[in-house]
Amino acid sequence: MNSKSLSASFVLGALVLAGALLQPFGEDAAARPDGDGNIVGTWRVQLNPRVCATGAPVPPFSLLLSFAQGGTLTEAINSPAFLPGQRSVGLGVWSHTHGRTYKAIWDGFIQFDSPPPGTGKRGVQRLNWDFELNDDHLTIDATSQFLDINGNVLANTCATGTATRIEVPQDQN
């Protein structure tokens, strides 16, 4: 093989590899909606938690959820259950289940125990949510587990909620 054909083979191989790398990994159908709508974007969420076993309400709170193309999610929580700096942002994944429904699971680290009389313990909050999309609104059915640093379940919560997509306002001119 001469140097010209070796160079051409190298260039062709590099182009094929670059094309493969630029394709979405496996055409991730789990992260794409089926039918109308799309969950990708940032949402303002109002959550109404309760103790799963008793149904006793827990104070409502707000949070932000960002769903990225490809199936990752980022969450920032504003729950009165946590002291400032006590809980990290949440990171996880989401997928399309069918029609206008989606699922997500993510973790947020609880950095330190709450001082007495608080009950928060250092560990992880693991959230598992189901969403139904209706235009720019979501309805939410949620559960979460609080785990200590050894992975033992300390508490479970359930919740319902709603979310509205954050959008750039259109000019009124």
N, C-alpha and C. Protein backbone atom coordinates (compact mmCIF):
# COMPACT_ATOMS: atom_id res chain seq x y z
N MET A 1 0.85 -1.17 0.00
CA MET A 1 0.00 0.00 0.00
C MET A 1 0.89 1.23 0.00
N ASN A 2 0.65 2.18 -0.92
CA ASN A 2 1.47 3.38 -0.95
C ASN A 2 0.97 4.39 0.08
N SER A 3 1.74 5.47 0.26
CA SER A 3 1.41 6.45 1.30
C SER A 3 0.11 7.19 1.00
N LYS A 4 -0.22 7.40 -0.29
CA LYS A 4 -1.47 8.07 -0.63
C LYS A 4 -2.68 7.22 -0.23
N SER A 5 -2.66 5.93 -0.55
CA SER A 5 -3.80 5.09 -0.22
C SER A 5 -3.88 4.86 1.29
N LEU A 6 -2.73 4.82 1.99
CA LEU A 6 -2.74 4.69 3.45
C LEU A 6 -3.35 5.94 4.07
N SER A 7 -2.99 7.14 3.54
CA SER A 7 -3.57 8.39 4.04
C SER A 7 -5.06 8.44 3.78
N ALA A 8 -5.51 8.03 2.60
CA ALA A 8 -6.93 8.04 2.27
C ALA A 8 -7.69 7.07 3.17
N SER A 9 -7.11 5.90 3.44
CA SER A 9 -7.76 4.93 4.33
C SER A 9 -7.87 5.49 5.74
N PHE A 10 -6.81 6.18 6.20
CA PHE A 10 -6.83 6.76 7.53
C PHE A 10 -7.91 7.83 7.64
N VAL A 11 -7.99 8.72 6.63
CA VAL A 11 -8.98 9.79 6.63
C VAL A 11 -10.38 9.20 6.60
N LEU A 12 -10.62 8.20 5.73
CA LEU A 12 -11.93 7.58 5.64
C LEU A 12 -12.31 6.92 6.97
N GLY A 13 -11.37 6.23 7.58
CA GLY A 13 -11.62 5.60 8.88
C GLY A 13 -11.94 6.63 9.95
N ALA A 14 -11.21 7.74 9.94
CA ALA A 14 -11.47 8.80 10.93
C ALA A 14 -12.85 9.40 10.73
N LEU A 15 -13.27 9.60 9.46
CA LEU A 15 -14.60 10.15 9.18
C LEU A 15 -15.71 9.20 9.64
N VAL A 16 -15.53 7.91 9.40
CA VAL A 16 -16.52 6.92 9.82
C VAL A 16 -16.62 6.91 11.35
N LEU A 17 -15.49 6.94 12.04
CA LEU A 17 -15.48 6.97 13.51
C LEU A 17 -16.13 8.24 14.03
N ALA A 18 -15.80 9.38 13.44
CA ALA A 18 -16.40 10.65 13.88
C ALA A 18 -17.91 10.63 13.67
N GLY A 19 -18.37 10.09 12.54
CA GLY A 19 -19.81 10.00 12.29
C GLY A 19 -20.50 9.11 13.31
N ALA A 20 -19.87 8.02 13.68
CA ALA A 20 -20.46 7.12 14.68
C ALA A 20 -20.53 7.80 16.04
N LEU A 21 -19.51 8.56 16.39
CA LEU A 21 -19.50 9.23 17.68
C LEU A 21 -20.51 10.37 17.76
N LEU A 22 -20.82 10.98 16.62
CA LEU A 22 -21.77 12.08 16.62
C LEU A 22 -23.22 11.61 16.62
N GLN A 23 -23.47 10.33 16.33
CA GLN A 23 -24.82 9.79 16.38
C GLN A 23 -25.26 9.67 17.83
N PRO A 24 -26.55 9.88 18.12
CA PRO A 24 -27.03 9.63 19.48
C PRO A 24 -26.77 8.18 19.85
N PHE A 25 -26.36 7.92 21.05
CA PHE A 25 -26.02 6.59 21.49
C PHE A 25 -27.26 5.70 21.42
N GLY A 26 -27.28 4.80 20.45
CA GLY A 26 -28.37 3.85 20.31
C GLY A 26 -29.71 4.50 20.03
N GLU A 27 -29.72 5.73 19.51
CA GLU A 27 -30.99 6.41 19.24
C GLU A 27 -31.91 6.26 20.44
N ASP A 28 -31.49 6.74 21.58
CA ASP A 28 -32.14 6.58 22.88
C ASP A 28 -33.63 6.90 22.83
N ALA A 29 -34.44 5.90 22.46
CA ALA A 29 -35.88 6.09 22.37
C ALA A 29 -36.49 6.34 23.74
N ALA A 30 -35.84 5.89 24.80
CA ALA A 30 -36.39 6.07 26.14
C ALA A 30 -36.48 7.54 26.52
N ALA A 31 -35.68 8.37 25.93
CA ALA A 31 -35.66 9.78 26.30
C ALA A 31 -36.49 10.64 25.36
N ARG A 32 -37.16 10.03 24.41
CA ARG A 32 -37.99 10.79 23.48
C ARG A 32 -39.45 10.48 23.72
N PRO A 33 -40.31 11.48 23.64
CA PRO A 33 -41.73 11.23 23.84
C PRO A 33 -42.34 10.52 22.64
N ASP A 34 -43.43 9.84 22.89
CA ASP A 34 -44.20 9.19 21.84
C ASP A 34 -45.45 10.03 21.62
N GLY A 35 -45.58 10.63 20.49
CA GLY A 35 -46.74 11.47 20.24
C GLY A 35 -46.45 12.92 20.54
N ASP A 36 -47.48 13.67 20.91
CA ASP A 36 -47.34 15.10 21.15
C ASP A 36 -46.54 15.38 22.42
N GLY A 37 -45.89 16.53 22.44
CA GLY A 37 -45.24 17.00 23.65
C GLY A 37 -43.83 16.49 23.80
N ASN A 38 -43.15 17.08 24.77
CA ASN A 38 -41.78 16.72 25.06
C ASN A 38 -41.49 17.20 26.47
N ILE A 39 -40.93 16.37 27.29
CA ILE A 39 -40.65 16.71 28.69
C ILE A 39 -39.34 17.49 28.85
N VAL A 40 -38.49 17.51 27.82
CA VAL A 40 -37.20 18.19 27.92
C VAL A 40 -37.42 19.66 28.24
N GLY A 41 -36.68 20.17 29.20
CA GLY A 41 -36.78 21.56 29.62
C GLY A 41 -36.74 21.66 31.14
N THR A 42 -36.99 22.86 31.65
CA THR A 42 -36.99 23.10 33.09
C THR A 42 -38.40 23.41 33.54
N TRP A 43 -38.77 22.86 34.69
CA TRP A 43 -40.14 22.91 35.20
C TRP A 43 -40.15 23.43 36.64
N ARG A 44 -41.15 24.28 36.94
CA ARG A 44 -41.43 24.71 38.31
C ARG A 44 -42.42 23.71 38.89
N VAL A 45 -42.06 23.11 40.03
CA VAL A 45 -42.87 22.05 40.63
C VAL A 45 -43.40 22.50 41.98
N GLN A 46 -44.67 22.21 42.23
CA GLN A 46 -45.27 22.38 43.55
C GLN A 46 -45.64 20.99 44.03
N LEU A 47 -45.05 20.57 45.17
CA LEU A 47 -45.23 19.21 45.65
C LEU A 47 -45.99 19.20 46.98
N ASN A 48 -46.88 18.23 47.11
CA ASN A 48 -47.68 18.05 48.32
C ASN A 48 -47.38 16.67 48.91
N PRO A 49 -46.35 16.56 49.77
CA PRO A 49 -45.97 15.26 50.31
C PRO A 49 -46.86 14.83 51.47
N ARG A 50 -46.80 13.52 51.75
CA ARG A 50 -47.50 12.94 52.89
C ARG A 50 -46.73 11.71 53.34
N VAL A 51 -46.96 11.29 54.58
CA VAL A 51 -46.38 10.05 55.09
C VAL A 51 -47.15 8.91 54.43
N CYS A 52 -46.47 8.03 53.73
CA CYS A 52 -47.14 6.97 52.97
C CYS A 52 -48.03 6.10 53.85
N ALA A 53 -47.52 5.68 54.99
CA ALA A 53 -48.24 4.72 55.85
C ALA A 53 -49.52 5.30 56.45
N THR A 54 -49.50 6.59 56.79
CA THR A 54 -50.63 7.17 57.51
C THR A 54 -51.43 8.16 56.67
N GLY A 55 -50.83 8.68 55.61
CA GLY A 55 -51.48 9.72 54.82
C GLY A 55 -51.36 11.10 55.44
N ALA A 56 -50.65 11.21 56.58
CA ALA A 56 -50.48 12.50 57.25
C ALA A 56 -49.72 13.46 56.33
N PRO A 57 -50.25 14.68 56.17
CA PRO A 57 -49.57 15.63 55.27
C PRO A 57 -48.25 16.11 55.85
N VAL A 58 -47.35 16.41 54.93
CA VAL A 58 -46.05 17.02 55.22
C VAL A 58 -46.11 18.39 54.56
N PRO A 59 -45.48 19.44 55.14
CA PRO A 59 -45.59 20.77 54.51
C PRO A 59 -45.21 20.76 53.03
N PRO A 60 -46.03 21.41 52.18
CA PRO A 60 -45.74 21.48 50.74
C PRO A 60 -44.51 22.35 50.49
N PHE A 61 -43.93 22.16 49.33
CA PHE A 61 -42.74 22.94 48.95
C PHE A 61 -42.60 22.96 47.44
N SER A 62 -41.65 23.76 46.98
CA SER A 62 -41.40 23.87 45.54
C SER A 62 -40.01 23.34 45.21
N LEU A 63 -39.82 23.07 43.94
CA LEU A 63 -38.51 22.65 43.45
C LEU A 63 -38.44 22.92 41.96
N LEU A 64 -37.26 22.82 41.42
CA LEU A 64 -37.04 22.94 39.98
C LEU A 64 -36.51 21.61 39.46
N LEU A 65 -37.03 21.18 38.33
CA LEU A 65 -36.56 19.97 37.66
C LEU A 65 -36.16 20.33 36.24
N SER A 66 -34.98 19.89 35.82
CA SER A 66 -34.53 20.06 34.44
C SER A 66 -34.30 18.69 33.81
N PHE A 67 -35.05 18.44 32.73
CA PHE A 67 -34.93 17.20 31.97
C PHE A 67 -34.09 17.49 30.73
N ALA A 68 -32.98 16.80 30.58
CA ALA A 68 -32.08 17.01 29.43
C ALA A 68 -32.35 15.96 28.37
N GLN A 69 -32.15 16.35 27.11
CA GLN A 69 -32.22 15.40 26.01
C GLN A 69 -31.22 14.30 26.31
N GLY A 70 -31.59 13.06 26.09
CA GLY A 70 -30.69 11.95 26.37
C GLY A 70 -31.02 11.23 27.66
N GLY A 71 -31.88 11.83 28.51
CA GLY A 71 -32.37 11.09 29.65
C GLY A 71 -31.78 11.41 31.02
N THR A 72 -31.07 12.53 31.17
CA THR A 72 -30.58 12.89 32.50
C THR A 72 -31.47 13.98 33.09
N LEU A 73 -31.39 14.11 34.42
CA LEU A 73 -32.21 15.10 35.10
C LEU A 73 -31.43 15.72 36.24
N THR A 74 -31.73 17.00 36.51
CA THR A 74 -31.14 17.75 37.61
C THR A 74 -32.28 18.39 38.38
N GLU A 75 -32.16 18.37 39.72
CA GLU A 75 -33.23 18.88 40.58
C GLU A 75 -32.63 19.79 41.65
N ALA A 76 -33.32 20.89 41.92
CA ALA A 76 -32.98 21.79 43.04
C ALA A 76 -34.23 21.90 43.90
N ILE A 77 -34.08 21.59 45.19
CA ILE A 77 -35.22 21.47 46.09
C ILE A 77 -35.26 22.63 47.09
N ASN A 78 -36.47 23.00 47.49
CA ASN A 78 -36.67 24.08 48.44
C ASN A 78 -37.58 23.59 49.58
N SER A 79 -37.24 22.45 50.15
CA SER A 79 -38.07 21.84 51.18
C SER A 79 -37.71 22.35 52.57
N PRO A 80 -38.72 22.71 53.37
CA PRO A 80 -38.44 23.14 54.74
C PRO A 80 -37.94 21.99 55.62
N ALA A 81 -37.97 20.76 55.11
CA ALA A 81 -37.46 19.62 55.86
C ALA A 81 -35.94 19.65 55.99
N PHE A 82 -35.28 20.46 55.15
CA PHE A 82 -33.81 20.50 55.15
C PHE A 82 -33.31 21.88 55.57
N LEU A 83 -32.22 21.88 56.33
CA LEU A 83 -31.55 23.12 56.69
C LEU A 83 -30.77 23.62 55.47
N PRO A 84 -30.45 24.92 55.41
CA PRO A 84 -29.65 25.41 54.29
C PRO A 84 -28.34 24.62 54.16
N GLY A 85 -28.09 24.14 52.97
CA GLY A 85 -26.86 23.38 52.69
C GLY A 85 -26.89 21.94 53.13
N GLN A 86 -27.99 21.49 53.72
CA GLN A 86 -28.05 20.12 54.22
C GLN A 86 -28.20 19.08 53.11
N ARG A 87 -28.88 19.45 52.01
CA ARG A 87 -29.12 18.50 50.93
C ARG A 87 -28.53 19.02 49.62
N SER A 88 -27.86 18.13 48.90
CA SER A 88 -27.27 18.50 47.62
C SER A 88 -28.35 18.61 46.55
N VAL A 89 -27.96 19.08 45.38
CA VAL A 89 -28.87 18.99 44.24
C VAL A 89 -29.11 17.51 43.96
N GLY A 90 -30.21 17.22 43.30
CA GLY A 90 -30.50 15.84 42.92
C GLY A 90 -30.06 15.59 41.49
N LEU A 91 -29.51 14.41 41.25
CA LEU A 91 -29.09 14.01 39.91
C LEU A 91 -29.64 12.63 39.62
N GLY A 92 -30.12 12.43 38.39
CA GLY A 92 -30.67 11.13 38.05
C GLY A 92 -31.00 11.01 36.58
N VAL A 93 -31.94 10.11 36.30
CA VAL A 93 -32.30 9.79 34.93
C VAL A 93 -33.81 9.76 34.79
N TRP A 94 -34.27 9.95 33.56
CA TRP A 94 -35.69 9.87 33.24
C TRP A 94 -35.86 9.07 31.96
N SER A 95 -37.08 8.55 31.77
CA SER A 95 -37.38 7.85 30.52
C SER A 95 -38.86 7.99 30.19
N HIS A 96 -39.15 7.85 28.94
CA HIS A 96 -40.52 7.86 28.45
C HIS A 96 -41.08 6.45 28.66
N THR A 97 -42.29 6.34 29.22
CA THR A 97 -42.87 5.01 29.42
C THR A 97 -43.82 4.67 28.29
N HIS A 98 -44.83 5.50 28.05
CA HIS A 98 -45.72 5.34 26.89
C HIS A 98 -46.64 6.56 26.82
N GLY A 99 -47.18 6.80 25.62
CA GLY A 99 -48.09 7.94 25.45
C GLY A 99 -47.48 9.22 25.97
N ARG A 100 -48.14 9.80 26.97
CA ARG A 100 -47.66 11.06 27.56
C ARG A 100 -47.14 10.85 28.98
N THR A 101 -46.68 9.65 29.27
CA THR A 101 -46.19 9.37 30.63
C THR A 101 -44.68 9.11 30.63
N TYR A 102 -44.07 9.49 31.76
CA TYR A 102 -42.63 9.41 31.95
C TYR A 102 -42.35 8.93 33.36
N LYS A 103 -41.14 8.44 33.58
CA LYS A 103 -40.64 8.03 34.89
C LYS A 103 -39.30 8.69 35.12
N ALA A 104 -38.98 8.90 36.40
CA ALA A 104 -37.65 9.42 36.74
C ALA A 104 -37.23 8.87 38.10
N ILE A 105 -35.93 8.71 38.26
CA ILE A 105 -35.36 8.33 39.55
C ILE A 105 -34.10 9.15 39.74
N TRP A 106 -33.92 9.68 40.96
CA TRP A 106 -32.72 10.44 41.24
C TRP A 106 -32.42 10.43 42.72
N ASP A 107 -31.18 10.80 43.04
CA ASP A 107 -30.70 10.85 44.42
C ASP A 107 -30.23 12.25 44.76
N GLY A 108 -30.43 12.62 46.02
CA GLY A 108 -29.86 13.84 46.58
C GLY A 108 -29.17 13.47 47.88
N PHE A 109 -27.94 13.89 48.07
CA PHE A 109 -27.20 13.57 49.29
C PHE A 109 -27.63 14.47 50.44
N ILE A 110 -27.87 13.87 51.59
CA ILE A 110 -28.13 14.62 52.81
C ILE A 110 -26.77 14.69 53.51
N GLN A 111 -26.23 15.90 53.59
CA GLN A 111 -24.83 16.12 53.97
C GLN A 111 -24.56 15.97 55.46
N PHE A 112 -25.56 16.26 56.30
CA PHE A 112 -25.34 16.19 57.75
C PHE A 112 -26.66 15.96 58.47
N ASP A 113 -26.58 15.43 59.69
CA ASP A 113 -27.78 15.20 60.51
C ASP A 113 -28.41 16.54 60.87
N SER A 114 -29.73 16.53 60.98
CA SER A 114 -30.43 17.71 61.51
C SER A 114 -30.20 17.75 63.01
N PRO A 115 -30.03 18.95 63.57
CA PRO A 115 -29.90 19.03 65.03
C PRO A 115 -31.23 18.68 65.69
N PRO A 116 -31.20 18.17 66.92
CA PRO A 116 -32.47 17.89 67.61
C PRO A 116 -33.30 19.15 67.67
N PRO A 117 -34.62 19.08 67.52
CA PRO A 117 -35.44 17.88 67.45
C PRO A 117 -35.62 17.33 66.04
N GLY A 118 -34.82 17.77 65.06
CA GLY A 118 -34.96 17.29 63.68
C GLY A 118 -34.73 15.80 63.57
N THR A 119 -35.24 15.22 62.50
CA THR A 119 -35.10 13.78 62.30
C THR A 119 -34.25 13.44 61.09
N GLY A 120 -33.75 14.44 60.36
CA GLY A 120 -32.94 14.18 59.17
C GLY A 120 -31.60 13.59 59.53
N LYS A 121 -31.23 12.52 58.86
CA LYS A 121 -29.95 11.85 59.07
C LYS A 121 -29.12 11.91 57.81
N ARG A 122 -27.82 12.00 57.99
CA ARG A 122 -26.88 11.98 56.87
C ARG A 122 -27.12 10.72 56.05
N GLY A 123 -27.15 10.87 54.74
CA GLY A 123 -27.37 9.73 53.85
C GLY A 123 -27.84 10.19 52.49
N VAL A 124 -28.92 9.59 52.00
CA VAL A 124 -29.42 9.85 50.65
C VAL A 124 -30.95 9.93 50.68
N GLN A 125 -31.48 10.86 49.89
CA GLN A 125 -32.90 10.83 49.58
C GLN A 125 -33.01 10.31 48.16
N ARG A 126 -33.71 9.20 47.98
CA ARG A 126 -33.91 8.60 46.65
C ARG A 126 -35.35 8.84 46.23
N LEU A 127 -35.53 9.51 45.10
CA LEU A 127 -36.86 9.88 44.61
C LEU A 127 -37.21 9.05 43.39
N ASN A 128 -38.46 8.63 43.32
CA ASN A 128 -38.95 7.81 42.22
C ASN A 128 -40.31 8.39 41.82
N TRP A 129 -40.38 9.06 40.68
CA TRP A 129 -41.57 9.81 40.29
C TRP A 129 -42.12 9.35 38.95
N ASP A 130 -43.45 9.46 38.83
CA ASP A 130 -44.16 9.24 37.57
C ASP A 130 -44.78 10.57 37.16
N PHE A 131 -44.72 10.88 35.86
CA PHE A 131 -45.22 12.14 35.33
C PHE A 131 -46.21 11.87 34.21
N GLU A 132 -47.23 12.72 34.12
CA GLU A 132 -48.09 12.72 32.94
C GLU A 132 -48.06 14.12 32.35
N LEU A 133 -47.74 14.19 31.06
CA LEU A 133 -47.58 15.46 30.35
C LEU A 133 -48.89 15.86 29.69
N ASN A 134 -49.26 17.13 29.88
CA ASN A 134 -50.42 17.71 29.21
C ASN A 134 -50.01 19.11 28.78
N ASP A 135 -49.59 19.26 27.52
CA ASP A 135 -49.06 20.51 26.99
C ASP A 135 -47.85 20.95 27.82
N ASP A 136 -47.94 22.10 28.49
CA ASP A 136 -46.81 22.60 29.29
C ASP A 136 -47.06 22.41 30.78
N HIS A 137 -47.81 21.35 31.12
CA HIS A 137 -48.11 21.04 32.52
C HIS A 137 -47.85 19.56 32.77
N LEU A 138 -47.40 19.26 33.98
CA LEU A 138 -47.19 17.88 34.40
C LEU A 138 -48.02 17.61 35.65
N THR A 139 -48.56 16.42 35.75
CA THR A 139 -49.10 15.95 37.03
C THR A 139 -48.12 14.89 37.52
N ILE A 140 -47.95 14.83 38.84
CA ILE A 140 -46.88 14.03 39.43
C ILE A 140 -47.46 13.11 40.49
N ASP A 141 -46.99 11.87 40.48
CA ASP A 141 -47.24 10.90 41.53
C ASP A 141 -45.85 10.43 41.97
N ALA A 142 -45.52 10.64 43.25
CA ALA A 142 -44.13 10.50 43.66
C ALA A 142 -43.99 9.69 44.94
N THR A 143 -42.84 9.03 45.06
CA THR A 143 -42.41 8.42 46.31
C THR A 143 -40.95 8.79 46.53
N SER A 144 -40.53 8.77 47.79
CA SER A 144 -39.11 8.92 48.08
C SER A 144 -38.77 8.10 49.31
N GLN A 145 -37.52 7.70 49.36
CA GLN A 145 -36.97 6.98 50.50
C GLN A 145 -35.83 7.79 51.08
N PHE A 146 -35.74 7.78 52.39
CA PHE A 146 -34.59 8.37 53.08
C PHE A 146 -33.75 7.21 53.58
N LEU A 147 -32.49 7.17 53.15
CA LEU A 147 -31.57 6.10 53.48
C LEU A 147 -30.42 6.66 54.32
N ASP A 148 -29.99 5.91 55.34
CA ASP A 148 -28.83 6.35 56.09
C ASP A 148 -27.56 6.05 55.29
N ILE A 149 -26.40 6.36 55.85
CA ILE A 149 -25.14 6.19 55.09
C ILE A 149 -24.83 4.72 54.82
N ASN A 150 -25.51 3.80 55.50
CA ASN A 150 -25.32 2.37 55.25
C ASN A 150 -26.38 1.79 54.32
N GLY A 151 -27.28 2.64 53.80
CA GLY A 151 -28.31 2.19 52.88
C GLY A 151 -29.57 1.67 53.55
N ASN A 152 -29.68 1.80 54.88
CA ASN A 152 -30.89 1.37 55.59
C ASN A 152 -32.00 2.40 55.39
N VAL A 153 -33.23 1.92 55.12
CA VAL A 153 -34.36 2.82 54.93
C VAL A 153 -34.78 3.39 56.27
N LEU A 154 -34.80 4.73 56.35
CA LEU A 154 -35.22 5.43 57.56
C LEU A 154 -36.67 5.87 57.49
N ALA A 155 -37.12 6.27 56.30
CA ALA A 155 -38.49 6.77 56.14
C ALA A 155 -38.87 6.72 54.67
N ASN A 156 -40.18 6.69 54.43
CA ASN A 156 -40.74 6.75 53.09
C ASN A 156 -41.74 7.89 53.05
N THR A 157 -41.77 8.61 51.94
CA THR A 157 -42.80 9.62 51.74
C THR A 157 -43.45 9.40 50.38
N CYS A 158 -44.67 9.84 50.28
CA CYS A 158 -45.43 9.82 49.03
C CYS A 158 -45.86 11.25 48.75
N ALA A 159 -46.18 11.55 47.51
CA ALA A 159 -46.60 12.91 47.19
C ALA A 159 -47.34 12.94 45.87
N THR A 160 -48.08 14.02 45.72
CA THR A 160 -48.65 14.38 44.42
C THR A 160 -48.22 15.81 44.16
N GLY A 161 -48.27 16.19 42.91
CA GLY A 161 -47.87 17.55 42.60
C GLY A 161 -48.19 17.94 41.17
N THR A 162 -47.86 19.16 40.87
CA THR A 162 -48.03 19.70 39.52
C THR A 162 -46.77 20.46 39.14
N ALA A 163 -46.57 20.61 37.85
CA ALA A 163 -45.41 21.35 37.36
C ALA A 163 -45.82 22.14 36.12
N THR A 164 -45.15 23.26 35.94
CA THR A 164 -45.35 24.12 34.78
C THR A 164 -44.00 24.37 34.14
N ARG A 165 -43.95 24.23 32.84
CA ARG A 165 -42.71 24.45 32.09
C ARG A 165 -42.29 25.92 32.19
N ILE A 166 -41.01 26.16 32.38
CA ILE A 166 -40.47 27.52 32.34
C ILE A 166 -40.14 27.84 30.89
N GLU A 167 -40.70 28.94 30.39
CA GLU A 167 -40.46 29.33 29.01
C GLU A 167 -40.05 30.79 28.94
N VAL A 168 -39.33 31.14 27.91
CA VAL A 168 -38.96 32.52 27.65
C VAL A 168 -40.21 33.24 27.19
N PRO A 169 -40.59 34.37 27.83
CA PRO A 169 -41.79 35.09 27.40
C PRO A 169 -41.64 35.60 25.97
N GLN A 170 -42.71 35.52 25.21
CA GLN A 170 -42.73 36.05 23.85
C GLN A 170 -42.99 37.54 23.91
N ASP A 171 -42.34 38.30 23.03
CA ASP A 171 -42.57 39.75 22.97
C ASP A 171 -44.03 40.02 22.64
N GLN A 172 -44.59 41.00 23.30
CA GLN A 172 -45.98 41.38 23.09
C GLN A 172 -46.13 42.45 22.01
N ASN A 173 -45.07 42.79 21.31
CA ASN A 173 -45.12 43.85 20.29
C ASN A 173 -45.84 43.42 19.05
